[in-house]
Protein backbone atom coordinates (compact mmCIF):
# COMPACT_ATOMS: atom_id res chain seq x y z
CA MET A 1 27.36 -6.45 27.54
CA TYR A 2 30.95 -7.38 28.71
CA GLN A 3 30.15 -10.88 29.09
CA LYS A 4 28.62 -11.09 25.45
CA ILE A 5 31.14 -9.44 23.31
CA LEU A 6 33.50 -12.26 25.35
CA GLY A 7 31.11 -14.97 24.83
CA GLY A 8 31.33 -13.61 21.12
CA LEU A 9 35.07 -13.85 20.59
CA LEU A 10 35.70 -16.50 22.03
CA GLY A 11 32.99 -18.64 20.39
CA GLY A 12 34.92 -17.99 17.40
CA ALA A 13 38.03 -18.42 18.81
CA VAL A 14 37.30 -21.81 20.05
CA GLY A 15 35.56 -22.46 17.00
CA ASP A 16 38.64 -22.26 14.68
CA ALA A 17 41.04 -23.64 17.00
CA MET A 18 39.04 -26.93 17.69
CA GLY A 19 37.80 -26.86 13.89
CA ALA A 20 41.49 -26.76 12.59
CA PRO A 21 42.42 -30.47 12.95
CA THR A 22 39.43 -31.74 11.19
CA GLU A 23 39.08 -29.60 7.94
CA GLY A 24 38.68 -31.32 5.17
CA ARG A 25 38.06 -34.46 6.49
CA SER A 26 34.15 -36.23 6.16
CA THR A 27 33.20 -37.25 9.69
CA LYS A 28 33.46 -40.88 9.17
CA GLN A 29 37.55 -39.67 8.69
CA ILE A 30 37.45 -37.95 11.69
CA LEU A 31 36.21 -40.78 13.65
CA GLN A 32 38.85 -43.12 11.78
CA HIS A 33 41.62 -40.69 12.34
CA PHE A 34 41.17 -39.36 16.09
CA GLY A 35 39.28 -42.56 17.37
CA HIS A 36 36.74 -40.20 18.82
CA ALA A 37 34.50 -37.04 17.94
CA VAL A 38 36.86 -34.19 18.34
CA CYS A 39 35.24 -31.89 21.50
CA ASP A 40 38.68 -30.24 22.24
CA PHE A 41 41.62 -28.86 21.15
CA GLU A 42 44.10 -31.30 19.43
CA LYS A 43 46.97 -31.14 17.59
CA PRO A 44 46.55 -31.10 13.49
CA PRO A 45 47.69 -34.00 11.56
CA ALA A 46 50.30 -33.70 9.11
CA ASP A 47 47.73 -34.11 6.30
CA SER A 48 45.86 -31.32 7.19
CA PHE A 49 45.76 -27.68 6.15
CA GLY A 50 46.71 -26.43 10.04
CA ALA A 51 49.83 -29.02 9.96
CA GLY A 52 52.57 -27.25 11.83
CA ASN A 53 49.75 -25.94 14.50
CA GLU A 54 49.83 -26.51 17.85
CA ALA A 55 46.78 -27.42 19.34
CA GLY A 56 44.31 -24.76 20.16
CA GLN A 57 45.95 -22.62 17.47
CA LEU A 58 44.43 -19.87 15.20
CA THR A 59 44.05 -20.12 11.53
CA ASP A 60 42.92 -17.21 9.34
CA ASP A 61 39.42 -18.03 10.12
CA PHE A 62 39.33 -16.01 13.39
CA SER A 63 42.13 -14.09 13.24
CA CYS A 64 41.19 -12.41 10.00
CA ALA A 65 37.98 -11.49 12.34
CA TYR A 66 39.81 -10.45 15.14
CA PHE A 67 42.13 -7.95 12.74
CA ILE A 68 39.18 -6.36 11.12
CA ALA A 69 37.83 -5.13 14.92
CA ARG A 70 41.08 -4.63 16.27
CA HIS A 71 41.84 -1.89 13.76
CA ILE A 72 37.96 -0.69 14.03
CA VAL A 73 38.39 -0.13 16.87
CA GLY A 74 41.72 2.07 16.68
CA HIS A 75 39.57 3.98 15.06
CA ASP A 76 36.95 4.83 17.16
CA GLY A 77 34.06 2.44 15.80
CA ASP A 78 34.51 4.00 12.39
CA ILE A 79 33.55 1.18 9.51
CA ASN A 80 34.80 1.93 6.14
CA GLY A 81 36.37 0.39 3.01
CA ASN A 82 39.69 2.27 3.66
CA ILE A 83 39.69 0.60 7.45
CA VAL A 84 38.76 -2.75 5.86
CA ARG A 85 41.64 -3.21 3.53
CA GLU A 86 44.15 -1.80 5.95
CA ALA A 87 43.72 -4.22 8.16
CA ILE A 88 43.30 -6.91 6.00
CA ILE A 89 46.74 -6.01 4.60
CA ASP A 90 48.05 -5.92 8.07
CA TRP A 91 46.61 -9.24 8.77
CA SER A 92 48.29 -10.79 5.65
CA GLU A 93 52.03 -9.59 6.89
CA HIS A 94 51.24 -12.51 9.54
CA ALA A 95 52.76 -15.41 7.90
CA VAL A 96 51.34 -17.65 10.66
CA PHE A 97 47.91 -16.75 9.41
CA PHE A 98 48.51 -15.74 5.70
CA ASP A 99 51.17 -17.99 4.29
CA ARG A 100 49.30 -21.64 5.03
CA PHE A 101 45.44 -20.52 5.49
CA VAL A 102 44.49 -17.37 3.51
CA GLY A 103 41.34 -18.65 1.26
CA PRO A 104 41.54 -17.90 -2.42
CA THR A 105 38.73 -14.86 -2.76
CA THR A 106 40.80 -13.34 0.28
CA LEU A 107 44.41 -13.62 -1.70
CA ARG A 108 42.88 -12.27 -4.71
CA ALA A 109 42.16 -9.05 -3.02
CA ILE A 110 44.82 -8.86 -0.73
CA ARG A 111 46.79 -9.16 -4.13
CA ARG A 112 44.91 -6.46 -6.12
CA PHE A 113 45.32 -4.40 -2.65
CA LYS A 114 48.69 -4.28 -3.17
CA GLY A 115 48.69 -3.11 -6.31
CA GLU A 116 49.61 -6.65 -7.91
CA LYS A 117 48.30 -7.12 -11.40
CA ILE A 118 45.71 -10.23 -11.50
CA ASP A 119 44.55 -12.47 -14.57
CA ASP A 120 40.86 -11.57 -15.05
CA SER A 121 40.99 -13.76 -17.90
CA GLY A 122 38.59 -16.26 -16.07
CA GLY A 123 35.33 -14.09 -16.89
CA LEU A 124 32.70 -15.01 -15.07
CA ASP A 125 34.35 -18.54 -13.11
CA VAL A 126 36.63 -16.07 -11.48
CA VAL A 127 33.37 -14.68 -10.37
CA THR A 128 31.64 -17.36 -9.11
CA ARG A 129 34.19 -18.43 -7.20
CA GLN A 130 33.87 -15.00 -4.83
CA ALA A 131 30.99 -16.61 -3.26
CA THR A 132 32.83 -17.83 -0.54
CA ASN A 133 32.55 -18.42 3.16
CA GLY A 134 35.44 -16.18 3.83
CA SER A 135 32.68 -13.59 3.60
CA GLY A 136 31.20 -14.85 6.46
CA MET A 137 33.76 -15.77 8.70
CA LYS A 138 35.10 -12.82 9.65
CA ILE A 139 32.09 -10.30 10.41
CA SER A 140 31.01 -11.36 13.40
CA PRO A 141 32.43 -8.61 15.09
CA ILE A 142 30.64 -6.08 12.95
CA GLY A 143 27.12 -7.82 15.23
CA LEU A 144 29.62 -6.73 18.13
CA PHE A 145 29.95 -3.42 17.08
CA ASN A 146 25.99 -3.04 16.40
CA PRO A 147 24.26 -4.81 19.62
CA GLY A 148 20.51 -4.88 18.09
CA ASN A 149 20.99 -2.39 15.33
CA LEU A 150 20.15 -5.01 13.18
CA ASP A 151 20.20 -2.73 9.79
CA GLN A 152 22.73 -0.94 10.76
CA ALA A 153 24.72 -4.35 11.31
CA ILE A 154 23.74 -4.85 7.79
CA ALA A 155 24.91 -1.84 6.43
CA ASP A 156 28.74 -1.92 7.84
CA ALA A 157 28.65 -5.92 6.93
CA VAL A 158 28.41 -5.03 3.35
CA THR A 159 30.95 -2.34 3.53
CA VAL A 160 33.41 -5.01 5.05
CA THR A 161 32.78 -7.83 2.73
CA LEU A 162 32.36 -5.60 -0.54
CA PRO A 163 36.31 -5.05 -0.49
CA THR A 164 36.80 -9.12 -0.84
CA HIS A 165 33.53 -10.73 -2.00
CA ASP A 166 31.74 -8.01 -4.04
CA ASN A 167 28.99 -10.80 -5.04
CA HIS A 168 24.98 -10.91 -3.66
CA LEU A 169 25.38 -14.54 -2.36
CA ALA A 170 28.73 -14.08 0.07
CA ILE A 171 27.10 -10.37 0.83
CA SER A 172 24.07 -12.40 2.20
CA GLY A 173 26.30 -14.87 3.79
CA ALA A 174 27.41 -11.93 5.58
CA CYS A 175 24.72 -10.06 6.88
CA ALA A 176 23.02 -13.03 8.10
CA VAL A 177 25.91 -13.63 10.79
CA ALA A 178 26.13 -9.86 11.44
CA ALA A 179 22.58 -9.23 11.93
CA ALA A 180 22.05 -12.66 14.27
CA VAL A 181 25.26 -11.42 15.64
CA SER A 182 23.76 -8.32 16.67
CA ARG A 183 20.54 -9.61 17.91
CA ALA A 184 21.92 -12.01 19.96
CA MET A 185 23.68 -9.30 21.99
CA LEU A 186 20.75 -8.28 23.63
CA PRO A 187 19.82 -9.54 27.12
CA ASP A 188 16.70 -11.41 25.48
CA ALA A 189 18.15 -12.77 23.13
CA ASP A 190 16.96 -16.36 21.88
CA LEU A 191 17.72 -19.55 19.40
CA TYR A 192 13.99 -18.37 17.78
CA ASN A 193 14.89 -14.02 17.86
CA VAL A 194 18.62 -14.90 16.45
CA VAL A 195 17.86 -17.04 14.37
CA GLN A 196 14.89 -14.68 12.49
CA ALA A 197 17.68 -11.68 12.46
CA GLY A 198 19.80 -14.11 10.81
CA LEU A 199 17.35 -15.26 7.96
CA TYR A 200 16.34 -11.32 7.78
CA GLY A 201 19.97 -10.35 7.29
CA ALA A 202 20.25 -13.15 5.30
CA SER A 203 17.54 -11.65 2.99
CA GLU A 204 18.41 -8.05 3.20
CA GLY A 205 21.91 -8.80 2.42
CA GLU A 206 21.09 -10.62 -1.03
CA SER A 207 18.74 -7.18 -2.15
CA ILE A 208 21.63 -5.12 -1.33
CA GLY A 209 23.88 -7.29 -2.96
CA LEU A 210 22.11 -7.28 -6.42
CA LYS A 211 22.66 -3.59 -6.13
CA VAL A 212 26.08 -2.88 -4.99
CA GLY A 213 27.47 -5.99 -6.72
CA LYS A 214 28.13 -8.88 -8.98
CA GLU A 215 24.97 -11.45 -9.31
CA VAL A 216 26.43 -15.11 -9.23
CA ALA A 217 24.92 -18.44 -9.82
CA GLY A 218 24.30 -20.74 -7.16
CA ALA A 219 21.97 -21.64 -4.73
CA SER A 220 20.16 -19.19 -2.44
CA VAL A 221 21.87 -18.54 1.31
CA VAL A 222 18.47 -17.96 2.77
CA ARG A 223 16.59 -20.95 1.32
CA ARG A 224 19.81 -23.06 2.24
CA MET A 225 19.60 -21.57 5.51
CA GLU A 226 15.25 -22.39 5.93
CA MET A 227 15.96 -25.77 5.16
CA ALA A 228 18.29 -26.24 7.44
CA VAL A 229 17.19 -24.76 10.44
CA ASP A 230 13.97 -27.20 9.46
CA ILE A 231 16.62 -30.10 9.76
CA ALA A 232 17.39 -28.67 13.16
CA LEU A 233 13.89 -28.60 14.41
CA GLY A 234 13.10 -32.23 13.30
CA ALA A 235 12.88 -35.82 15.26
CA GLY A 236 16.94 -37.16 16.41
CA THR A 237 19.51 -36.08 18.57
CA PRO A 238 22.31 -33.17 17.60
CA TRP A 239 24.98 -35.34 16.32
CA GLU A 240 22.54 -36.99 13.90
CA LYS A 241 21.01 -33.71 12.43
CA MET A 242 24.53 -32.71 12.17
CA ILE A 243 24.82 -35.47 10.11
CA GLU A 244 21.99 -35.04 7.88
CA ILE A 245 22.81 -30.96 7.70
CA GLY A 246 26.13 -32.17 6.48
CA ASP A 247 24.14 -34.57 3.60
CA ARG A 248 21.87 -32.16 3.09
CA ILE A 249 22.84 -28.65 2.99
CA GLY A 250 26.80 -29.48 3.18
CA SER A 251 29.40 -27.75 5.08
CA GLY A 252 32.22 -26.75 2.39
CA LEU A 253 33.78 -23.50 0.68
CA HIS A 254 30.41 -22.29 -1.04
CA VAL A 255 28.68 -19.12 1.22
CA ALA A 256 25.62 -21.41 0.55
CA GLU A 257 26.97 -24.51 2.25
CA ALA A 258 28.99 -23.34 5.46
CA ILE A 259 26.81 -20.20 6.37
CA PRO A 260 23.54 -22.14 6.70
CA ALA A 261 24.95 -25.07 8.40
CA ALA A 262 26.42 -22.72 11.35
CA PHE A 263 22.57 -21.81 11.70
CA GLY A 264 21.93 -25.26 11.64
CA LEU A 265 24.37 -26.82 13.80
CA PHE A 266 22.70 -23.70 16.23
CA VAL A 267 19.20 -24.91 16.30
CA ALA A 268 20.17 -28.41 16.30
CA ASN A 269 21.79 -27.74 19.88
CA ASN A 270 19.53 -25.47 21.06
CA GLY A 271 21.64 -22.51 21.35
CA ASP A 272 24.23 -24.34 22.89
CA ALA A 273 27.85 -22.70 22.64
CA MET A 274 30.06 -25.90 23.35
CA GLY A 275 27.93 -27.94 21.22
CA SER A 276 27.13 -25.93 18.34
CA ILE A 277 30.95 -25.71 18.08
CA LYS A 278 31.49 -29.01 18.50
CA GLY A 279 28.82 -29.98 15.78
CA GLY A 280 31.15 -27.64 13.72
CA VAL A 281 34.03 -29.31 14.98
CA ASN A 282 32.95 -32.50 13.95
CA ILE A 283 30.84 -32.28 10.47
CA GLY A 284 33.46 -32.53 8.11
CA TYR A 285 34.93 -30.47 4.72
CA ASP A 286 35.61 -26.80 6.05
CA THR A 287 34.98 -27.11 9.64
CA ASP A 288 37.02 -24.51 11.25
CA THR A 289 35.02 -22.42 9.50
CA VAL A 290 31.92 -23.41 10.26
CA ALA A 291 32.63 -23.79 14.01
CA THR A 292 33.90 -20.27 14.31
CA MET A 293 30.55 -19.02 12.84
CA ALA A 294 28.56 -21.50 14.78
CA GLY A 295 30.27 -20.30 18.04
CA ALA A 296 30.69 -16.85 17.25
CA ILE A 297 26.44 -17.19 16.82
CA ALA A 298 25.99 -19.36 19.83
CA GLY A 299 28.79 -17.62 22.09
CA ASN A 300 27.53 -14.36 21.69
CA ALA A 301 24.18 -15.34 22.60
CA ALA A 302 25.26 -17.63 25.42
CA GLY A 303 27.64 -14.75 27.24
CA GLY A 304 31.31 -15.79 28.36
CA ARG A 305 29.99 -18.00 31.06
CA GLY A 306 29.02 -20.38 28.19
CA PHE A 307 32.49 -22.02 28.05
CA PRO A 308 34.80 -24.35 30.73
CA GLY A 309 37.19 -22.72 32.54
CA PRO A 310 40.47 -24.01 30.58
CA LEU A 311 39.68 -23.67 27.03
CA PRO A 312 40.10 -19.64 26.64
CA GLY A 313 43.70 -20.18 28.30
CA ALA A 314 44.47 -22.77 25.86
CA ILE A 315 43.63 -20.79 22.32
CA GLY A 316 47.27 -19.44 21.04
């Protein structure tokens, strides 16, 4: 169990830190700027969101997940909305993560938690913008707390997601990641049953989200996941499949892009942790988020021994 937990945490952290320098660039631009595919920690360029970070330094993606996990542990494993809000407010008070990296939906939620007045004049447009991948980037620890219990992982993922991303698509994406990680915790975890758990989580999360959250316009996370997996099971190298996933599914801020992309990369690399992470790092657009989620799922399935020795010690 220790190795499983270590692998999941390392996967998320390595994906975040390695993906930070490439965020916002296309695959072609990544190759042009760095001169090679990024397969190790690099210092983020001056024109990136991670500018000012050192090589191997975290952004919001894994750090937010870490704070949530730490607060849950501090409350003896209890998971409720108050603990989630407490964790996110605590995270927001660490300028190194919050000031430069907070996403639009999470920022809005934090302002609400702190009692600040929020302009709701955007109506439906504001709600639609909340269907972002921030729901999935911070959710992987929920699977760690529920090894093999997919339904409880899904229920807890809904609890964690609602305070910041209260719509059915964001909830669907979060439940996909949580359920996949939950299944990956078991000794018999393999590519097939982890992906099936993710699809189950996405489907259940969508149904629950329509009952407890807002319905928003947008592509189905479940259907996009199925498309991404189909691409990943097709002909070609992992790199070629990464390009195809980026072109057809996308890898951006919307939950129906980033989370299906993460699952597709997991399959394209046959569950290999570092391969899944490198796919997320080089796919382009929201690379740190995609690599964080792909790394958390694959790292949990592989365990801590799925990572080269020097990498864990280089994360800051």
